[in-house]
Amino acid sequence: MTLTQTDLNQIEKIVEETIGEKTKNLPTKDEFFTKMDEVVGELKTAREEQTIITHKLSDHEDRITVLEDNGPAAKTA
């Protein structure tokens, strides 16, 4: 038994309907890339903030160490 053109058309219609139903909730290409640009921008900002915070923390730790080494408690020990 061979498939006729009508059979092939019906198969194509069923496949298109199934794929359309499965992908209807997916974003368009433009929506996807717009959202990804937003997410990447937020990630870049977070990484920059992380670098600044790490530097400030290191500076504070250095200052605390100096104060502990030179403070009144260090002189009595």
Protein backbone atom coordinates (compact mmCIF):
# COMPACT_ATOMS: atom_id res chain seq x y z
CA MET A 1 0.00 0.00 0.00
CA THR A 2 1.43 3.36 -0.98
CA LEU A 3 0.57 6.75 0.36
CA THR A 4 -1.40 9.07 -1.87
CA GLN A 5 -1.00 12.81 -2.04
CA THR A 6 -4.16 13.15 0.05
CA ASP A 7 -2.61 10.91 2.73
CA LEU A 8 0.56 13.01 2.72
CA ASN A 9 -1.48 16.22 2.98
CA GLN A 10 -3.40 14.83 5.96
CA ILE A 11 -0.16 13.75 7.68
CA GLU A 12 1.35 17.20 7.07
CA LYS A 13 -1.77 18.87 8.51
CA ILE A 14 -1.68 16.68 11.63
CA VAL A 15 2.05 17.31 12.15
CA GLU A 16 1.61 21.09 11.71
CA GLU A 17 -1.29 21.15 14.19
CA THR A 18 0.65 19.06 16.71
CA ILE A 19 3.79 21.18 16.43
CA GLY A 20 1.75 24.38 16.57
CA GLU A 21 0.01 23.23 19.74
CA LYS A 22 3.27 22.13 21.38
CA THR A 23 5.09 25.38 20.57
CA LYS A 24 2.31 27.93 21.10
CA ASN A 25 3.67 28.90 24.56
CA LEU A 26 7.24 29.37 23.36
CA PRO A 27 8.48 32.93 22.87
CA THR A 28 9.28 34.28 19.45
CA LYS A 29 12.90 34.70 18.46
CA ASP A 30 12.74 38.45 19.13
CA GLU A 31 11.06 37.97 22.51
CA PHE A 32 13.68 35.39 23.48
CA PHE A 33 16.66 37.55 22.52
CA THR A 34 15.14 40.65 24.16
CA LYS A 35 14.72 38.74 27.42
CA MET A 36 18.22 37.24 27.14
CA ASP A 37 19.70 40.73 26.65
CA GLU A 38 17.92 41.82 29.82
CA VAL A 39 19.15 38.79 31.78
CA VAL A 40 22.73 39.16 30.54
CA GLY A 41 22.66 42.86 31.48
CA GLU A 42 21.51 42.00 35.00
CA LEU A 43 24.21 39.32 35.27
CA LYS A 44 26.88 41.80 34.17
CA THR A 45 25.67 44.31 36.76
CA ALA A 46 25.66 41.67 39.50
CA ARG A 47 29.21 40.60 38.65
CA GLU A 48 30.41 44.20 38.70
CA GLU A 49 28.75 44.75 42.08
CA GLN A 50 30.32 41.52 43.36
CA THR A 51 33.77 42.81 42.39
CA ILE A 52 33.18 46.14 44.16
CA ILE A 53 31.85 44.44 47.31
CA THR A 54 34.77 42.00 47.37
CA HIS A 55 37.23 44.89 47.11
CA LYS A 56 35.48 46.81 49.92
CA LEU A 57 35.44 43.70 52.12
CA SER A 58 39.14 43.13 51.54
CA ASP A 59 39.86 46.77 52.40
CA HIS A 60 37.81 46.51 55.61
CA GLU A 61 39.57 43.29 56.62
CA ASP A 62 42.95 44.98 56.08
CA ARG A 63 41.90 47.99 58.16
CA ILE A 64 40.59 45.76 60.98
CA THR A 65 43.83 43.78 60.99
CA VAL A 66 45.85 47.00 61.31
CA LEU A 67 43.63 48.23 64.15
CA GLU A 68 43.87 44.90 65.97
CA ASP A 69 47.64 44.80 65.57
CA ASN A 70 48.11 48.42 66.73
CA GLY A 71 45.22 48.81 69.17
CA PRO A 72 45.27 48.92 72.99
CA ALA A 73 44.74 45.16 73.28
CA ALA A 74 47.91 44.52 71.25
CA LYS A 75 49.98 46.73 73.60
CA THR A 76 48.86 44.92 76.76
CA ALA A 77 49.53 41.45 75.38
